[in-house]
Amino acid sequence: MRARVLHVPDRPSWECQHCRAAWPCQPAREDIVATTDRVSRMIYLSLHLADAIVDQRDADPAALFDRVVGWACNS
């Protein structure tokens, strides 16, 4: 049986469904780092970034990149 991941994005707000912090929240980041290798992590987050850009049309794309993907560049 696979554990359910609680800290996932709520679209279109891009808040965490569990803790309501901006996604990826700290628990989501820790889970992503613990369960993926670097390449898989960057692909996973890049796909989420594409969705976030669509959902958050008024947001600054560079800020979305930093929030969704940028934090993981050195992880």
N, C-alpha and C. Protein backbone atom coordinates (compact mmCIF):
# COMPACT_ATOMS: atom_id res chain seq x y z
N MET A 1 0.84 -1.18 0.00
CA MET A 1 0.00 0.00 0.00
C MET A 1 0.89 1.25 0.00
N ARG A 2 0.59 2.18 -0.84
CA ARG A 2 1.38 3.41 -0.96
C ARG A 2 0.79 4.51 -0.08
N ALA A 3 1.66 5.23 0.60
CA ALA A 3 1.21 6.33 1.46
C ALA A 3 0.67 7.47 0.61
N ARG A 4 -0.34 8.12 1.09
CA ARG A 4 -0.92 9.26 0.40
C ARG A 4 -0.10 10.51 0.68
N VAL A 5 0.26 11.21 -0.36
CA VAL A 5 1.01 12.46 -0.21
C VAL A 5 0.00 13.56 0.11
N LEU A 6 0.21 14.24 1.22
CA LEU A 6 -0.74 15.27 1.67
C LEU A 6 -0.45 16.64 1.10
N HIS A 7 0.81 16.97 0.93
CA HIS A 7 1.19 18.33 0.56
C HIS A 7 1.32 18.45 -0.96
N VAL A 8 0.18 18.62 -1.61
CA VAL A 8 0.11 18.74 -3.06
C VAL A 8 -0.56 20.07 -3.42
N PRO A 9 -0.31 20.57 -4.64
CA PRO A 9 -0.88 21.87 -5.00
C PRO A 9 -2.39 21.82 -5.23
N ASP A 10 -3.04 22.87 -4.81
CA ASP A 10 -4.46 23.07 -5.07
C ASP A 10 -4.56 24.07 -6.20
N ARG A 11 -5.04 23.58 -7.35
CA ARG A 11 -5.14 24.47 -8.51
C ARG A 11 -6.50 25.12 -8.54
N PRO A 12 -6.62 26.35 -8.92
CA PRO A 12 -5.60 27.22 -9.52
C PRO A 12 -4.87 28.12 -8.52
N SER A 13 -5.13 27.95 -7.22
CA SER A 13 -4.52 28.87 -6.24
C SER A 13 -3.04 28.59 -6.02
N TRP A 14 -2.61 27.37 -6.22
CA TRP A 14 -1.24 26.94 -5.97
C TRP A 14 -0.85 27.09 -4.51
N GLU A 15 -1.85 26.88 -3.65
CA GLU A 15 -1.60 26.72 -2.22
C GLU A 15 -1.57 25.22 -1.96
N CYS A 16 -0.93 24.82 -0.89
CA CYS A 16 -0.91 23.42 -0.51
C CYS A 16 -2.30 23.00 -0.05
N GLN A 17 -2.79 21.86 -0.54
CA GLN A 17 -4.11 21.39 -0.15
C GLN A 17 -4.18 21.06 1.34
N HIS A 18 -3.06 20.72 1.94
CA HIS A 18 -3.05 20.30 3.33
C HIS A 18 -2.83 21.46 4.31
N CYS A 19 -1.77 22.24 4.09
CA CYS A 19 -1.42 23.29 5.08
C CYS A 19 -1.74 24.70 4.61
N ARG A 20 -2.17 24.85 3.35
CA ARG A 20 -2.56 26.12 2.74
C ARG A 20 -1.40 27.10 2.55
N ALA A 21 -0.17 26.67 2.72
CA ALA A 21 0.99 27.52 2.43
C ALA A 21 1.21 27.53 0.92
N ALA A 22 1.99 28.48 0.45
CA ALA A 22 2.34 28.51 -0.97
C ALA A 22 3.04 27.20 -1.33
N TRP A 23 2.57 26.58 -2.43
CA TRP A 23 3.17 25.30 -2.84
C TRP A 23 4.33 25.54 -3.78
N PRO A 24 5.44 24.82 -3.63
CA PRO A 24 5.65 23.72 -2.71
C PRO A 24 6.03 24.21 -1.32
N CYS A 25 5.23 23.82 -0.34
CA CYS A 25 5.49 24.17 1.05
C CYS A 25 6.71 23.37 1.54
N GLN A 26 7.17 23.67 2.72
CA GLN A 26 8.37 22.99 3.23
C GLN A 26 8.19 21.48 3.32
N PRO A 27 7.05 20.98 3.83
CA PRO A 27 6.89 19.51 3.85
C PRO A 27 6.90 18.90 2.45
N ALA A 28 6.32 19.59 1.47
CA ALA A 28 6.33 19.08 0.09
C ALA A 28 7.75 19.06 -0.44
N ARG A 29 8.51 20.10 -0.17
CA ARG A 29 9.91 20.15 -0.63
C ARG A 29 10.71 18.99 -0.04
N GLU A 30 10.53 18.76 1.25
CA GLU A 30 11.26 17.68 1.90
C GLU A 30 10.89 16.33 1.30
N ASP A 31 9.60 16.13 1.04
CA ASP A 31 9.13 14.88 0.44
C ASP A 31 9.67 14.71 -0.98
N ILE A 32 9.64 15.79 -1.76
CA ILE A 32 10.13 15.73 -3.14
C ILE A 32 11.61 15.37 -3.17
N VAL A 33 12.40 15.99 -2.31
CA VAL A 33 13.84 15.71 -2.27
C VAL A 33 14.09 14.26 -1.81
N ALA A 34 13.31 13.81 -0.83
CA ALA A 34 13.52 12.46 -0.28
C ALA A 34 13.10 11.35 -1.24
N THR A 35 12.20 11.64 -2.16
CA THR A 35 11.63 10.57 -2.98
C THR A 35 11.99 10.62 -4.46
N THR A 36 12.79 11.60 -4.87
CA THR A 36 13.16 11.70 -6.28
C THR A 36 14.65 11.95 -6.44
N ASP A 37 15.19 11.50 -7.57
CA ASP A 37 16.56 11.87 -7.90
C ASP A 37 16.52 13.26 -8.55
N ARG A 38 17.66 13.86 -8.74
CA ARG A 38 17.74 15.24 -9.24
C ARG A 38 17.04 15.43 -10.58
N VAL A 39 17.26 14.55 -11.54
CA VAL A 39 16.65 14.69 -12.86
C VAL A 39 15.13 14.55 -12.76
N SER A 40 14.67 13.53 -12.08
CA SER A 40 13.22 13.34 -11.92
C SER A 40 12.58 14.52 -11.20
N ARG A 41 13.27 15.03 -10.19
CA ARG A 41 12.78 16.19 -9.43
C ARG A 41 12.60 17.41 -10.33
N MET A 42 13.59 17.68 -11.17
CA MET A 42 13.51 18.85 -12.04
C MET A 42 12.42 18.70 -13.10
N ILE A 43 12.26 17.49 -13.64
CA ILE A 43 11.19 17.25 -14.60
C ILE A 43 9.84 17.43 -13.93
N TYR A 44 9.65 16.82 -12.77
CA TYR A 44 8.40 16.90 -12.01
C TYR A 44 8.04 18.36 -11.71
N LEU A 45 9.00 19.10 -11.21
CA LEU A 45 8.73 20.50 -10.86
C LEU A 45 8.51 21.37 -12.09
N SER A 46 9.21 21.09 -13.18
CA SER A 46 9.03 21.85 -14.42
C SER A 46 7.63 21.66 -14.98
N LEU A 47 7.11 20.45 -14.88
CA LEU A 47 5.74 20.20 -15.33
C LEU A 47 4.74 20.98 -14.47
N HIS A 48 5.00 21.02 -13.18
CA HIS A 48 4.14 21.82 -12.29
C HIS A 48 4.27 23.31 -12.62
N LEU A 49 5.47 23.75 -12.96
CA LEU A 49 5.67 25.15 -13.32
C LEU A 49 4.82 25.52 -14.54
N ALA A 50 4.80 24.66 -15.53
CA ALA A 50 3.99 24.94 -16.73
C ALA A 50 2.52 25.12 -16.36
N ASP A 51 2.02 24.27 -15.48
CA ASP A 51 0.63 24.39 -15.03
C ASP A 51 0.42 25.68 -14.21
N ALA A 52 1.38 26.00 -13.36
CA ALA A 52 1.26 27.20 -12.53
C ALA A 52 1.23 28.46 -13.40
N ILE A 53 2.02 28.50 -14.45
CA ILE A 53 2.03 29.66 -15.34
C ILE A 53 0.67 29.84 -16.01
N VAL A 54 0.04 28.74 -16.37
CA VAL A 54 -1.30 28.80 -16.97
C VAL A 54 -2.32 29.29 -15.94
N ASP A 55 -2.26 28.74 -14.74
CA ASP A 55 -3.23 29.08 -13.69
C ASP A 55 -3.02 30.47 -13.11
N GLN A 56 -1.81 30.93 -13.05
CA GLN A 56 -1.46 32.20 -12.42
C GLN A 56 -1.00 33.21 -13.47
N ARG A 57 -1.87 33.49 -14.41
CA ARG A 57 -1.52 34.34 -15.57
C ARG A 57 -0.98 35.72 -15.19
N ASP A 58 -1.40 36.26 -14.07
CA ASP A 58 -0.95 37.58 -13.66
C ASP A 58 0.33 37.56 -12.83
N ALA A 59 0.78 36.38 -12.49
CA ALA A 59 2.00 36.26 -11.68
C ALA A 59 3.24 36.48 -12.55
N ASP A 60 4.31 36.94 -11.92
CA ASP A 60 5.59 37.11 -12.59
C ASP A 60 6.19 35.73 -12.85
N PRO A 61 6.45 35.38 -14.12
CA PRO A 61 6.99 34.04 -14.43
C PRO A 61 8.31 33.75 -13.71
N ALA A 62 9.15 34.74 -13.54
CA ALA A 62 10.43 34.52 -12.84
C ALA A 62 10.18 34.18 -11.37
N ALA A 63 9.21 34.83 -10.77
CA ALA A 63 8.87 34.55 -9.37
C ALA A 63 8.28 33.15 -9.24
N LEU A 64 7.44 32.76 -10.20
CA LEU A 64 6.90 31.40 -10.18
C LEU A 64 8.02 30.37 -10.35
N PHE A 65 8.96 30.65 -11.24
CA PHE A 65 10.08 29.74 -11.43
C PHE A 65 10.84 29.57 -10.11
N ASP A 66 11.17 30.68 -9.47
CA ASP A 66 11.91 30.61 -8.20
C ASP A 66 11.15 29.80 -7.17
N ARG A 67 9.85 30.01 -7.10
CA ARG A 67 9.02 29.34 -6.10
C ARG A 67 8.86 27.85 -6.39
N VAL A 68 8.57 27.49 -7.63
CA VAL A 68 8.23 26.11 -7.95
C VAL A 68 9.47 25.27 -8.28
N VAL A 69 10.43 25.84 -8.98
CA VAL A 69 11.58 25.06 -9.45
C VAL A 69 12.89 25.54 -8.84
N GLY A 70 13.08 26.82 -8.74
CA GLY A 70 14.37 27.39 -8.36
C GLY A 70 14.94 26.85 -7.06
N TRP A 71 14.09 26.64 -6.06
CA TRP A 71 14.56 26.15 -4.77
C TRP A 71 15.27 24.81 -4.89
N ALA A 72 14.90 24.02 -5.91
CA ALA A 72 15.43 22.66 -6.04
C ALA A 72 16.72 22.60 -6.86
N CYS A 73 17.13 23.69 -7.43
CA CYS A 73 18.31 23.67 -8.30
C CYS A 73 19.57 23.22 -7.56
N ASN A 74 19.64 23.48 -6.28
CA ASN A 74 20.82 23.09 -5.50
C ASN A 74 20.52 21.94 -4.55
N SER A 75 19.36 21.30 -4.73
CA SER A 75 19.00 20.20 -3.82
C SER A 75 19.47 18.87 -4.36
